[in-house]
C-alpha atoms as a PDB file:
ATOM      1  CA  LYS A   1       0.138   0.029  -0.211  1.00  0.00           C
ATOM      2  CA  ARG A   2       2.989   2.224   0.790  1.00  0.00           C
ATOM      3  CA  GLU A   3       4.206   1.768  -2.592  1.00  0.00           C
ATOM      4  CA  GLN A   4       1.156   2.790  -4.229  1.00  0.00           C
ATOM      5  CA  GLU A   5       0.898   5.800  -2.439  1.00  0.00           C
ATOM      6  CA  LEU A   6       4.536   6.443  -3.716  1.00  0.00           C
ATOM      7  CA  LEU A   7       3.733   5.542  -6.789  1.00  0.00           C
ATOM      8  CA  ALA A   8       0.730   8.303  -6.849  1.00  0.00           C
ATOM      9  CA  GLN A   9       2.691  10.947  -5.473  1.00  0.00           C
ATOM     10  CA  GLN A  10       5.390  10.509  -8.396  1.00  0.00           C
ATOM     11  CA  GLN A  11       2.487  10.632 -10.929  1.00  0.00           C
ATOM     12  CA  GLU A  12       0.718  13.546  -9.470  1.00  0.00           C
ATOM     13  CA  ALA A  13       4.514  15.049  -9.229  1.00  0.00           C
ATOM     14  CA  ARG A  14       4.563  14.439 -12.996  1.00  0.00           C
ATOM     15  CA  ARG A  15       1.133  15.687 -13.585  1.00  0.00           C
ATOM     16  CA  ARG A  16       1.901  18.637 -11.920  1.00  0.00           C
ATOM     17  CA  GLU A  17       5.366  19.415 -13.668  1.00  0.00           C
ATOM     18  CA  GLU A  18       3.682  19.036 -17.154  1.00  0.00           C
ATOM     19  CA  ALA A  19       1.306  21.195 -16.339  1.00  0.00           C
ATOM     20  CA  LEU A  20       3.901  23.661 -15.375  1.00  0.00           C
ATOM     21  CA  LYS A  21       5.905  22.805 -18.344  1.00  0.00           C
ATOM     22  CA  ALA A  22       2.920  23.602 -20.549  1.00  0.00           C
ATOM     23  CA  GLN A  23       1.826  26.346 -18.587  1.00  0.00           C
ATOM     24  CA  GLN A  24       5.164  27.975 -19.059  1.00  0.00           C
ATOM     25  CA  ALA A  25       5.030  27.070 -22.977  1.00  0.00           C
ATOM     26  CA  ALA A  26       2.059  28.878 -23.081  1.00  0.00           C
ATOM     27  CA  ALA A  27       3.561  32.060 -21.480  1.00  0.00           C
ATOM     28  CA  GLU A  28       6.533  32.117 -23.313  1.00  0.00           C
ATOM     29  CA  GLU A  29       4.192  31.921 -26.681  1.00  0.00           C
ATOM     30  CA  ASP A  30       2.447  34.807 -25.478  1.00  0.00           C
ATOM     31  CA  ALA A  31       5.219  37.183 -24.449  1.00  0.00           C
ATOM     32  CA  GLN A  32       6.433  36.382 -28.423  1.00  0.00           C
ATOM     33  CA  ARG A  33       3.311  36.966 -29.725  1.00  0.00           C
ATOM     34  CA  ARG A  34       3.134  40.363 -27.453  1.00  0.00           C
ATOM     35  CA  GLU A  35       6.496  41.282 -28.519  1.00  0.00           C
ATOM     36  CA  GLN A  36       5.943  40.521 -32.081  1.00  0.00           C
ATOM     37  CA  GLU A  37       2.702  42.938 -32.191  1.00  0.00           C
ATOM     38  CA  LEU A  38       4.844  45.816 -30.282  1.00  0.00           C
ATOM     39  CA  LEU A  39       7.443  45.290 -33.133  1.00  0.00           C
ATOM     40  CA  SER A  40       5.018  45.637 -35.603  1.00  0.00           C
ATOM     41  CA  LYS A  41       3.426  48.405 -34.004  1.00  0.00           C
ATOM     42  CA  GLN A  42       6.440  50.320 -33.619  1.00  0.00           C
ATOM     43  CA  ALA A  43       7.508  49.582 -37.090  1.00  0.00           C
ATOM     44  CA  ALA A  44       4.139  51.046 -38.639  1.00  0.00           C
ATOM     45  CA  ALA A  45       4.395  53.944 -36.380  1.00  0.00           C
ATOM     46  CA  GLU A  46       7.991  54.571 -37.550  1.00  0.00           C
ATOM     47  CA  SER A  47       6.608  54.281 -41.222  1.00  0.00           C
ATOM     48  CA  VAL A  48       4.130  56.919 -40.221  1.00  0.00           C
ATOM     49  CA  ALA A  49       6.465  59.324 -38.851  1.00  0.00           C
ATOM     50  CA  LYS A  50       8.943  58.840 -41.789  1.00  0.00           C
ATOM     51  CA  ARG A  51       6.109  59.588 -44.242  1.00  0.00           C
ATOM     52  CA  ARG A  52       4.759  62.760 -42.215  1.00  0.00           C
ATOM     53  CA  GLU A  53       8.788  63.889 -41.828  1.00  0.00           C
ATOM     54  CA  ALA A  54       8.938  63.501 -45.958  1.00  0.00           C
ATOM     55  CA  GLU A  55       5.492  65.332 -46.499  1.00  0.00           C
ATOM     56  CA  LEU A  56       6.495  68.171 -44.230  1.00  0.00           C
ATOM     57  CA  GLN A  57       9.830  68.272 -45.802  1.00  0.00           C
ATOM     58  CA  SER A  58       8.138  68.520 -49.121  1.00  0.00           C
ATOM     59  CA  ARG A  59       5.863  71.235 -48.282  1.00  0.00           C
ATOM     60  CA  GLN A  60       8.872  73.180 -46.878  1.00  0.00           C
ATOM     61  CA  GLU A  61      10.660  72.865 -50.153  1.00  0.00           C
ATOM     62  CA  GLN A  62       7.863  74.062 -51.855  1.00  0.00           C
ATOM     63  CA  ALA A  63       7.272  77.189 -49.735  1.00  0.00           C
ATOM     64  CA  GLU A  64      11.036  77.798 -50.266  1.00  0.00           C
ATOM     65  CA  ALA A  65      10.860  77.618 -53.870  1.00  0.00           C
ATOM     66  CA  GLN A  66       7.691  79.685 -54.081  1.00  0.00           C
ATOM     67  CA  ALA A  67       9.146  82.327 -51.665  1.00  0.00           C
ATOM     68  CA  LYS A  68      12.358  82.473 -53.920  1.00  0.00           C
ATOM     69  CA  GLN A  69      10.028  82.709 -57.080  1.00  0.00           C
ATOM     70  CA  ARG A  70       8.090  85.564 -55.516  1.00  0.00           C
ATOM     71  CA  GLU A  71      11.374  87.337 -54.622  1.00  0.00           C
ATOM     72  CA  ALA A  72      12.724  87.016 -58.066  1.00  0.00           C
ATOM     73  CA  GLU A  73       9.694  88.239 -59.771  1.00  0.00           C
ATOM     74  CA  LEU A  74       9.623  91.317 -57.237  1.00  0.00           C
ATOM     75  CA  VAL A  75      13.279  92.068 -58.179  1.00  0.00           C
ATOM     76  CA  ALA A  76      12.314  91.406 -61.963  1.00  0.00           C
ATOM     77  CA  LYS A  77       9.567  94.381 -61.455  1.00  0.00           C
ATOM     78  CA  GLN A  78      11.451  96.537 -59.402  1.00  0.00           C
ATOM     79  CA  GLN A  79      14.090  96.407 -62.242  1.00  0.00           C
ATOM     80  CA  ALA A  80      11.343  97.002 -64.802  1.00  0.00           C
ATOM     81  CA  ALA A  81      10.201 100.156 -62.807  1.00  0.00           C
ATOM     82  CA  GLU A  82      13.763 101.480 -62.454  1.00  0.00           C
ATOM     83  CA  THR A  83      14.198 100.953 -65.919  1.00  0.00           C
ATOM     84  CA  ALA A  84      10.949 102.779 -67.090  1.00  0.00           C
ATOM     85  CA  ALA A  85      12.051 105.626 -64.557  1.00  0.00           C
ATOM     86  CA  ALA A  86      15.116 106.174 -65.961  1.00  0.00           C
ATOM     87  CA  LYS A  87      13.807 106.207 -69.541  1.00  0.00           C
ATOM     88  CA  ARG A  88      11.201 108.926 -68.708  1.00  0.00           C
ATOM     89  CA  GLU A  89      13.964 110.738 -67.084  1.00  0.00           C
ATOM     90  CA  GLU A  90      16.023 110.486 -70.259  1.00  0.00           C
ATOM     91  CA  GLU A  91      13.045 111.828 -72.077  1.00  0.00           C
ATOM     92  CA  LEU A  92      12.225 114.607 -70.057  1.00  0.00           C
ATOM     93  CA  LYS A  93      15.687 115.817 -70.061  1.00  0.00           C
ATOM     94  CA  THR A  94      15.926 115.427 -73.985  1.00  0.00           C
ATOM     95  CA  ARG A  95      12.500 117.498 -74.255  1.00  0.00           C
ATOM     96  CA  GLN A  96      14.061 120.221 -71.741  1.00  0.00           C
ATOM     97  CA  ALA A  97      17.143 120.476 -73.919  1.00  0.00           C
ATOM     98  CA  ALA A  98      14.889 120.587 -76.833  1.00  0.00           C
ATOM     99  CA  ALA A  99      12.877 123.249 -75.625  1.00  0.00           C
ATOM    100  CA  GLU A 100      15.788 125.238 -74.124  1.00  0.00           C
ATOM    101  CA  ALA A 101      17.467 125.241 -77.377  1.00  0.00           C
ATOM    102  CA  GLU A 102      14.068 126.418 -79.129  1.00  0.00           C
ATOM    103  CA  ALA A 103      14.141 129.496 -76.446  1.00  0.00           C
ATOM    104  CA  LYS A 104      17.231 130.189 -77.132  1.00  0.00           C
ATOM    105  CA  VAL A 105      16.484 130.733 -81.323  1.00  0.00           C
END
């Protein structure tokens, strides 16, 4: 009878050990699954961040290009205005000189 009790205890101990091993394996699988989910979420977040950064960079480059274009247009308008003013000034000087020459005659 004592042997039967020892055998039963050994069987119970083995059963508990197997149950613990199964629980540990399940916990490890769960931990690996969670880690993979976290890595996947992190990769997705990094991808979104890179895309947003690229969009912002593109907008900034567009804004800078537009600013340079506007500046070039303003410089061109200013130069045209200065040229027109110089031309008018020359025309006025020519007329004045002609009027003065006519007055002397």
